[in-house]
C-alpha atoms as a PDB file:
ATOM      1  CA  MET A   1     -26.498 -53.935  55.551  1.00  0.00           C
ATOM      2  CA  ALA A   2     -29.046 -52.464  53.147  1.00  0.00           C
ATOM      3  CA  PRO A   3     -29.141 -54.033  49.684  1.00  0.00           C
ATOM      4  CA  VAL A   4     -27.627 -51.997  46.849  1.00  0.00           C
ATOM      5  CA  PRO A   5     -30.405 -50.721  44.545  1.00  0.00           C
ATOM      6  CA  THR A   6     -30.269 -52.030  41.019  1.00  0.00           C
ATOM      7  CA  ALA A   7     -31.576 -50.494  37.809  1.00  0.00           C
ATOM      8  CA  PRO A   8     -35.012 -51.588  36.636  1.00  0.00           C
ATOM      9  CA  ALA A   9     -34.923 -54.517  34.296  1.00  0.00           C
ATOM     10  CA  ALA A  10     -36.588 -52.490  31.565  1.00  0.00           C
ATOM     11  CA  ARG A  11     -33.642 -50.067  31.620  1.00  0.00           C
ATOM     12  CA  ARG A  12     -30.826 -52.588  31.631  1.00  0.00           C
ATOM     13  CA  LEU A  13     -29.111 -52.325  28.286  1.00  0.00           C
ATOM     14  CA  PRO A  14     -27.901 -55.621  26.780  1.00  0.00           C
ATOM     15  CA  ARG A  15     -24.354 -55.699  25.522  1.00  0.00           C
ATOM     16  CA  GLY A  16     -25.472 -56.105  21.911  1.00  0.00           C
ATOM     17  CA  ALA A  17     -27.785 -53.086  22.049  1.00  0.00           C
ATOM     18  CA  ALA A  18     -25.069 -50.980  23.673  1.00  0.00           C
ATOM     19  CA  LEU A  19     -22.575 -51.964  20.978  1.00  0.00           C
ATOM     20  CA  ARG A  20     -25.058 -51.137  18.206  1.00  0.00           C
ATOM     21  CA  ALA A  21     -25.825 -47.760  19.762  1.00  0.00           C
ATOM     22  CA  ALA A  22     -22.092 -47.045  20.033  1.00  0.00           C
ATOM     23  CA  ALA A  23     -21.664 -48.023  16.384  1.00  0.00           C
ATOM     24  CA  LEU A  24     -24.412 -45.586  15.374  1.00  0.00           C
ATOM     25  CA  LEU A  25     -22.738 -42.780  17.312  1.00  0.00           C
ATOM     26  CA  ALA A  26     -19.391 -43.665  15.758  1.00  0.00           C
ATOM     27  CA  LEU A  27     -20.880 -43.575  12.261  1.00  0.00           C
ATOM     28  CA  LEU A  28     -22.430 -40.179  12.969  1.00  0.00           C
ATOM     29  CA  ALA A  29     -19.136 -38.831  14.266  1.00  0.00           C
ATOM     30  CA  GLY A  30     -17.283 -40.252  11.270  1.00  0.00           C
ATOM     31  CA  GLY A  31     -19.792 -38.681   8.920  1.00  0.00           C
ATOM     32  CA  VAL A  32     -19.293 -35.282  10.547  1.00  0.00           C
ATOM     33  CA  VAL A  33     -15.510 -35.590  10.177  1.00  0.00           C
ATOM     34  CA  LEU A  34     -15.789 -36.590   6.510  1.00  0.00           C
ATOM     35  CA  ALA A  35     -18.244 -33.783   5.756  1.00  0.00           C
ATOM     36  CA  VAL A  36     -15.826 -31.252   7.252  1.00  0.00           C
ATOM     37  CA  LEU A  37     -12.504 -32.558   5.975  1.00  0.00           C
ATOM     38  CA  VAL A  38     -13.227 -34.067   2.539  1.00  0.00           C
ATOM     39  CA  ASP A  39     -12.980 -31.605  -0.338  1.00  0.00           C
ATOM     40  CA  VAL A  40     -15.961 -31.660  -2.701  1.00  0.00           C
ATOM     41  CA  PRO A  41     -14.874 -31.846  -6.378  1.00  0.00           C
ATOM     42  CA  ASP A  42     -15.965 -29.037  -8.663  1.00  0.00           C
ATOM     43  CA  VAL A  43     -18.638 -29.467 -11.314  1.00  0.00           C
ATOM     44  CA  GLY A  44     -16.125 -29.693 -14.165  1.00  0.00           C
ATOM     45  CA  THR A  45     -14.281 -32.543 -12.472  1.00  0.00           C
ATOM     46  CA  VAL A  46     -17.511 -34.451 -11.851  1.00  0.00           C
ATOM     47  CA  ARG A  47     -18.648 -33.964 -15.457  1.00  0.00           C
ATOM     48  CA  ALA A  48     -15.345 -35.222 -16.821  1.00  0.00           C
ATOM     49  CA  TRP A  49     -15.528 -38.237 -14.520  1.00  0.00           C
ATOM     50  CA  LEU A  50     -19.085 -39.017 -15.668  1.00  0.00           C
ATOM     51  CA  ASP A  51     -18.048 -38.746 -19.321  1.00  0.00           C
ATOM     52  CA  ARG A  52     -15.256 -41.278 -18.756  1.00  0.00           C
ATOM     53  CA  ARG A  53     -17.427 -43.734 -16.822  1.00  0.00           C
ATOM     54  CA  GLY A  54     -20.517 -43.623 -19.011  1.00  0.00           C
ATOM     55  CA  PRO A  55     -23.746 -45.155 -17.607  1.00  0.00           C
ATOM     56  CA  ALA A  56     -21.845 -46.794 -14.747  1.00  0.00           C
ATOM     57  CA  GLY A  57     -20.784 -43.342 -13.619  1.00  0.00           C
ATOM     58  CA  TRP A  58     -24.390 -42.216 -13.192  1.00  0.00           C
ATOM     59  CA  VAL A  59     -25.154 -45.352 -11.180  1.00  0.00           C
ATOM     60  CA  LEU A  60     -22.193 -44.621  -8.929  1.00  0.00           C
ATOM     61  CA  LEU A  61     -23.302 -40.998  -8.645  1.00  0.00           C
ATOM     62  CA  LEU A  62     -26.765 -42.156  -7.564  1.00  0.00           C
ATOM     63  CA  ALA A  63     -25.158 -44.347  -4.900  1.00  0.00           C
ATOM     64  CA  ALA A  64     -22.986 -41.467  -3.687  1.00  0.00           C
ATOM     65  CA  LEU A  65     -25.960 -39.087  -3.520  1.00  0.00           C
ATOM     66  CA  SER A  66     -27.905 -41.716  -1.568  1.00  0.00           C
ATOM     67  CA  LEU A  67     -25.133 -42.293   0.976  1.00  0.00           C
ATOM     68  CA  ALA A  68     -24.004 -38.694   1.451  1.00  0.00           C
ATOM     69  CA  PRO A  69     -27.072 -37.655   3.530  1.00  0.00           C
ATOM     70  CA  LEU A  70     -26.178 -40.308   6.121  1.00  0.00           C
ATOM     71  CA  ALA A  71     -23.595 -37.715   7.145  1.00  0.00           C
ATOM     72  CA  PRO A  72     -24.671 -34.114   7.767  1.00  0.00           C
ATOM     73  CA  VAL A  73     -24.375 -33.184   4.084  1.00  0.00           C
ATOM     74  CA  PRO A  74     -27.138 -30.755   3.026  1.00  0.00           C
ATOM     75  CA  ARG A  75     -29.407 -32.271   0.404  1.00  0.00           C
ATOM     76  CA  THR A  76     -30.083 -28.806  -0.973  1.00  0.00           C
ATOM     77  CA  ALA A  77     -26.552 -28.617  -2.364  1.00  0.00           C
ATOM     78  CA  LEU A  78     -26.801 -32.149  -3.747  1.00  0.00           C
ATOM     79  CA  SER A  79     -30.069 -31.381  -5.535  1.00  0.00           C
ATOM     80  CA  VAL A  80     -28.646 -28.197  -7.046  1.00  0.00           C
ATOM     81  CA  LEU A  81     -25.654 -30.229  -8.239  1.00  0.00           C
ATOM     82  CA  THR A  82     -27.874 -32.796  -9.979  1.00  0.00           C
ATOM     83  CA  GLY A  83     -29.643 -29.978 -11.818  1.00  0.00           C
ATOM     84  CA  VAL A  84     -26.345 -28.519 -12.998  1.00  0.00           C
ATOM     85  CA  LEU A  85     -25.038 -31.916 -14.113  1.00  0.00           C
ATOM     86  CA  ALA A  86     -28.117 -33.511 -15.654  1.00  0.00           C
ATOM     87  CA  GLY A  87     -30.584 -30.735 -16.453  1.00  0.00           C
ATOM     88  CA  PHE A  88     -34.024 -30.458 -14.931  1.00  0.00           C
ATOM     89  CA  TRP A  89     -35.932 -33.671 -15.683  1.00  0.00           C
ATOM     90  CA  ALA A  90     -33.029 -36.124 -15.416  1.00  0.00           C
ATOM     91  CA  GLY A  91     -31.715 -34.211 -12.422  1.00  0.00           C
ATOM     92  CA  LEU A  92     -35.135 -34.326 -10.775  1.00  0.00           C
ATOM     93  CA  ALA A  93     -35.357 -38.095 -11.230  1.00  0.00           C
ATOM     94  CA  LEU A  94     -31.850 -38.460  -9.814  1.00  0.00           C
ATOM     95  CA  SER A  95     -32.567 -36.171  -6.863  1.00  0.00           C
ATOM     96  CA  VAL A  96     -35.870 -37.801  -5.902  1.00  0.00           C
ATOM     97  CA  ALA A  97     -34.505 -41.355  -6.295  1.00  0.00           C
ATOM     98  CA  SER A  98     -31.406 -40.585  -4.226  1.00  0.00           C
ATOM     99  CA  GLY A  99     -33.530 -38.779  -1.622  1.00  0.00           C
ATOM    100  CA  VAL A 100     -35.835 -41.759  -1.165  1.00  0.00           C
ATOM    101  CA  LEU A 101     -32.887 -44.179  -0.989  1.00  0.00           C
ATOM    102  CA  ALA A 102     -31.100 -41.933   1.506  1.00  0.00           C
ATOM    103  CA  ALA A 103     -34.250 -41.713   3.635  1.00  0.00           C
ATOM    104  CA  LEU A 104     -34.582 -45.510   3.666  1.00  0.00           C
ATOM    105  CA  ALA A 105     -30.878 -45.978   4.454  1.00  0.00           C
ATOM    106  CA  GLY A 106     -31.019 -43.578   7.398  1.00  0.00           C
ATOM    107  CA  PHE A 107     -34.224 -45.128   8.687  1.00  0.00           C
ATOM    108  CA  GLY A 108     -32.895 -48.689   8.446  1.00  0.00           C
ATOM    109  CA  LEU A 109     -29.556 -47.804   9.989  1.00  0.00           C
ATOM    110  CA  ALA A 110     -31.102 -46.052  12.987  1.00  0.00           C
ATOM    111  CA  ARG A 111     -33.753 -48.765  13.412  1.00  0.00           C
ATOM    112  CA  TRP A 112     -31.173 -51.545  13.428  1.00  0.00           C
ATOM    113  CA  LEU A 113     -28.511 -49.859  15.537  1.00  0.00           C
ATOM    114  CA  GLY A 114     -30.446 -47.676  17.947  1.00  0.00           C
ATOM    115  CA  ARG A 115     -34.125 -48.535  18.328  1.00  0.00           C
ATOM    116  CA  GLU A 116     -33.667 -51.097  21.101  1.00  0.00           C
ATOM    117  CA  THR A 117     -31.575 -48.635  23.095  1.00  0.00           C
ATOM    118  CA  VAL A 118     -34.210 -45.904  22.795  1.00  0.00           C
ATOM    119  CA  THR A 119     -36.976 -48.307  23.804  1.00  0.00           C
ATOM    120  CA  ARG A 120     -35.156 -49.455  26.923  1.00  0.00           C
ATOM    121  CA  LEU A 121     -33.918 -46.067  28.062  1.00  0.00           C
ATOM    122  CA  ALA A 122     -36.871 -43.878  27.112  1.00  0.00           C
ATOM    123  CA  GLY A 123     -38.554 -42.043  29.933  1.00  0.00           C
ATOM    124  CA  PRO A 124     -42.280 -41.246  30.057  1.00  0.00           C
ATOM    125  CA  ARG A 125     -41.969 -38.014  28.083  1.00  0.00           C
ATOM    126  CA  LEU A 126     -39.899 -39.588  25.341  1.00  0.00           C
ATOM    127  CA  ALA A 127     -42.288 -42.534  25.247  1.00  0.00           C
ATOM    128  CA  ARG A 128     -45.234 -40.171  24.737  1.00  0.00           C
ATOM    129  CA  ALA A 129     -43.371 -38.329  21.967  1.00  0.00           C
ATOM    130  CA  ASP A 130     -42.568 -41.680  20.362  1.00  0.00           C
ATOM    131  CA  ALA A 131     -46.240 -42.702  20.508  1.00  0.00           C
ATOM    132  CA  LEU A 132     -47.306 -39.383  18.973  1.00  0.00           C
ATOM    133  CA  LEU A 133     -44.771 -39.704  16.166  1.00  0.00           C
ATOM    134  CA  THR A 134     -45.877 -43.269  15.545  1.00  0.00           C
ATOM    135  CA  ARG A 135     -49.561 -42.296  15.336  1.00  0.00           C
ATOM    136  CA  ARG A 136     -48.934 -39.391  12.964  1.00  0.00           C
ATOM    137  CA  GLY A 137     -46.596 -41.486  10.786  1.00  0.00           C
ATOM    138  CA  ALA A 138     -46.521 -40.167   7.226  1.00  0.00           C
ATOM    139  CA  VAL A 139     -47.805 -36.694   8.172  1.00  0.00           C
ATOM    140  CA  ALA A 140     -45.076 -36.209  10.779  1.00  0.00           C
ATOM    141  CA  VAL A 141     -42.357 -37.237   8.335  1.00  0.00           C
ATOM    142  CA  LEU A 142     -43.843 -35.096   5.556  1.00  0.00           C
ATOM    143  CA  VAL A 143     -43.812 -32.021   7.785  1.00  0.00           C
ATOM    144  CA  GLY A 144     -40.247 -32.783   8.847  1.00  0.00           C
ATOM    145  CA  ARG A 145     -39.118 -33.091   5.239  1.00  0.00           C
ATOM    146  CA  LEU A 146     -40.787 -29.833   4.234  1.00  0.00           C
ATOM    147  CA  LEU A 147     -39.444 -27.748   7.128  1.00  0.00           C
ATOM    148  CA  PRO A 148     -36.207 -26.077   5.978  1.00  0.00           C
ATOM    149  CA  VAL A 149     -34.885 -25.986   9.551  1.00  0.00           C
ATOM    150  CA  ALA A 150     -35.132 -29.778   9.982  1.00  0.00           C
ATOM    151  CA  PRO A 151     -31.963 -31.452   8.633  1.00  0.00           C
ATOM    152  CA  PHE A 152     -32.623 -34.357   6.290  1.00  0.00           C
ATOM    153  CA  THR A 153     -30.301 -36.623   8.266  1.00  0.00           C
ATOM    154  CA  LEU A 154     -32.016 -35.844  11.564  1.00  0.00           C
ATOM    155  CA  VAL A 155     -35.487 -36.664  10.209  1.00  0.00           C
ATOM    156  CA  SER A 156     -34.229 -39.976   8.806  1.00  0.00           C
ATOM    157  CA  TYR A 157     -32.603 -41.079  12.045  1.00  0.00           C
ATOM    158  CA  ALA A 158     -35.523 -39.869  14.158  1.00  0.00           C
ATOM    159  CA  GLY A 159     -37.896 -41.966  12.063  1.00  0.00           C
ATOM    160  CA  GLY A 160     -35.750 -45.057  12.530  1.00  0.00           C
ATOM    161  CA  LEU A 161     -35.397 -44.521  16.268  1.00  0.00           C
ATOM    162  CA  SER A 162     -39.156 -44.060  16.668  1.00  0.00           C
ATOM    163  CA  GLY A 163     -41.739 -46.802  16.534  1.00  0.00           C
ATOM    164  CA  MET A 164     -43.303 -45.826  13.205  1.00  0.00           C
ATOM    165  CA  ARG A 165     -43.634 -48.420  10.485  1.00  0.00           C
ATOM    166  CA  CYS A 166     -41.571 -48.272   7.323  1.00  0.00           C
ATOM    167  CA  GLY A 167     -44.579 -47.844   4.993  1.00  0.00           C
ATOM    168  CA  PRO A 168     -45.871 -44.533   6.385  1.00  0.00           C
ATOM    169  CA  TYR A 169     -42.305 -43.295   6.780  1.00  0.00           C
ATOM    170  CA  LEU A 170     -41.543 -44.055   3.128  1.00  0.00           C
ATOM    171  CA  LEU A 171     -44.769 -42.392   1.988  1.00  0.00           C
ATOM    172  CA  GLY A 172     -44.079 -39.220   3.963  1.00  0.00           C
ATOM    173  CA  SER A 173     -40.452 -39.105   2.843  1.00  0.00           C
ATOM    174  CA  THR A 174     -41.285 -39.579  -0.839  1.00  0.00           C
ATOM    175  CA  ALA A 175     -43.912 -36.851  -0.771  1.00  0.00           C
ATOM    176  CA  GLY A 176     -41.621 -34.608   1.245  1.00  0.00           C
ATOM    177  CA  VAL A 177     -38.534 -34.755  -0.976  1.00  0.00           C
ATOM    178  CA  VAL A 178     -40.369 -33.871  -4.207  1.00  0.00           C
ATOM    179  CA  PRO A 179     -41.120 -30.134  -3.635  1.00  0.00           C
ATOM    180  CA  GLY A 180     -37.605 -29.304  -2.469  1.00  0.00           C
ATOM    181  CA  SER A 181     -36.111 -31.367  -5.274  1.00  0.00           C
ATOM    182  CA  VAL A 182     -38.171 -29.528  -7.887  1.00  0.00           C
ATOM    183  CA  LEU A 183     -37.079 -26.162  -6.520  1.00  0.00           C
ATOM    184  CA  HIS A 184     -33.389 -26.889  -6.003  1.00  0.00           C
ATOM    185  CA  VAL A 185     -32.892 -28.984  -9.150  1.00  0.00           C
ATOM    186  CA  GLY A 186     -34.610 -26.198 -11.078  1.00  0.00           C
ATOM    187  CA  ILE A 187     -32.127 -23.701  -9.681  1.00  0.00           C
ATOM    188  CA  GLY A 188     -29.240 -25.978 -10.644  1.00  0.00           C
ATOM    189  CA  ALA A 189     -30.643 -26.528 -14.129  1.00  0.00           C
ATOM    190  CA  THR A 190     -31.053 -22.769 -14.516  1.00  0.00           C
ATOM    191  CA  LEU A 191     -27.416 -22.232 -13.607  1.00  0.00           C
ATOM    192  CA  GLY A 192     -26.318 -25.011 -15.938  1.00  0.00           C
ATOM    193  CA  ALA A 193     -28.436 -23.696 -18.804  1.00  0.00           C
ATOM    194  CA  ALA A 194     -27.411 -20.061 -18.408  1.00  0.00           C
ATOM    195  CA  GLY A 195     -27.107 -18.733 -21.909  1.00  0.00           C
ATOM    196  CA  GLY A 196     -29.062 -21.709 -23.227  1.00  0.00           C
ATOM    197  CA  GLY A 197     -32.277 -19.840 -23.997  1.00  0.00           C
ATOM    198  CA  GLY A 198     -35.005 -22.459 -24.227  1.00  0.00           C
ATOM    199  CA  GLY A 199     -33.412 -24.727 -21.647  1.00  0.00           C
ATOM    200  CA  LEU A 200     -33.237 -21.834 -19.221  1.00  0.00           C
ATOM    201  CA  LEU A 201     -36.922 -20.995 -19.649  1.00  0.00           C
ATOM    202  CA  LEU A 202     -37.916 -24.649 -19.370  1.00  0.00           C
ATOM    203  CA  SER A 203     -36.085 -25.049 -16.072  1.00  0.00           C
ATOM    204  CA  LEU A 204     -37.744 -21.907 -14.674  1.00  0.00           C
ATOM    205  CA  VAL A 205     -41.279 -23.219 -15.215  1.00  0.00           C
ATOM    206  CA  PRO A 206     -41.326 -25.882 -12.458  1.00  0.00           C
ATOM    207  CA  VAL A 207     -39.493 -23.540 -10.091  1.00  0.00           C
ATOM    208  CA  GLY A 208     -42.192 -20.938 -10.638  1.00  0.00           C
ATOM    209  CA  LEU A 209     -44.901 -23.530 -10.064  1.00  0.00           C
ATOM    210  CA  VAL A 210     -43.370 -24.616  -6.769  1.00  0.00           C
ATOM    211  CA  LEU A 211     -42.992 -21.022  -5.580  1.00  0.00           C
ATOM    212  CA  ALA A 212     -46.583 -20.295  -6.565  1.00  0.00           C
ATOM    213  CA  GLY A 213     -47.749 -23.408  -4.712  1.00  0.00           C
ATOM    214  CA  LEU A 214     -45.830 -22.444  -1.590  1.00  0.00           C
ATOM    215  CA  GLY A 215     -47.296 -18.949  -1.741  1.00  0.00           C
ATOM    216  CA  LEU A 216     -50.799 -20.338  -2.140  1.00  0.00           C
ATOM    217  CA  ALA A 217     -50.320 -22.716   0.801  1.00  0.00           C
ATOM    218  CA  ARG A 218     -49.078 -19.845   2.958  1.00  0.00           C
ATOM    219  CA  TRP A 219     -52.058 -17.671   1.963  1.00  0.00           C
ATOM    220  CA  TRP A 220     -54.473 -20.482   2.806  1.00  0.00           C
ATOM    221  CA  GLN A 221     -52.795 -21.021   6.177  1.00  0.00           C
ATOM    222  CA  LEU A 222     -53.056 -17.320   7.065  1.00  0.00           C
ATOM    223  CA  ARG A 223     -56.667 -17.267   5.957  1.00  0.00           C
ATOM    224  CA  ARG A 224     -57.551 -20.214   8.201  1.00  0.00           C
ATOM    225  CA  ARG A 225     -55.803 -18.580  11.139  1.00  0.00           C
ATOM    226  CA  GLY A 226     -57.733 -15.382  10.569  1.00  0.00           C
ATOM    227  CA  ALA A 227     -61.013 -17.265  10.380  1.00  0.00           C
ATOM    228  CA  ALA A 228     -60.221 -19.106  13.616  1.00  0.00           C
ATOM    229  CA  ARG A 229     -59.458 -15.873  15.449  1.00  0.00           C
ATOM    230  CA  ALA A 230     -62.499 -14.005  14.117  1.00  0.00           C
ATOM    231  CA  PRO A 231     -65.216 -13.506  16.783  1.00  0.00           C
ATOM    232  CA  SER A 232     -68.262 -15.722  16.348  1.00  0.00           C
END
């Protein structure tokens, strides 16, 4: 009787790794359910809650903003909310800090719960993609953070599941969350300062700078493409 073929040793998944991968999937599923079913309080309710709590309330808000992106909660809405609640500069500090903490939390969670599973089950193509992502490091994460079609949560988990080191990931994430935070917090601060005259104009300045920078980057990209296509 012919022997029954067994899976390669490299692809055998230890019980601990399988349980951690299942836990990661369960957390993702739970986050989706919470994002869909939990009602988000309105701005007035949040403001009243912050007034009652004092400084501790802002600390708790920072923690909530840092944990929310572990579920598929759009950071755009969170950044706009910080601008409405805290104004531009305080809201920007809150948005960037919570974005960096959320990026680290997603990275650490995926690295701890799922990296071993990916390493053992990855095929050649996935291994090559992992190597490419690891080599590009900070640049790959920066591009992922800047692309509006790449969900924040997905970039965080992809970084943790890849082989990239935490340092380049943190650098790319920090640089990547700033432009979007400036733009979206500025929008929130503009909404919150509507009718506030000077505050409204002040919040529009950084938004205009970001839009001008994005336009300049797009112009430079089109110019380089045109130069590359021009006949020599």
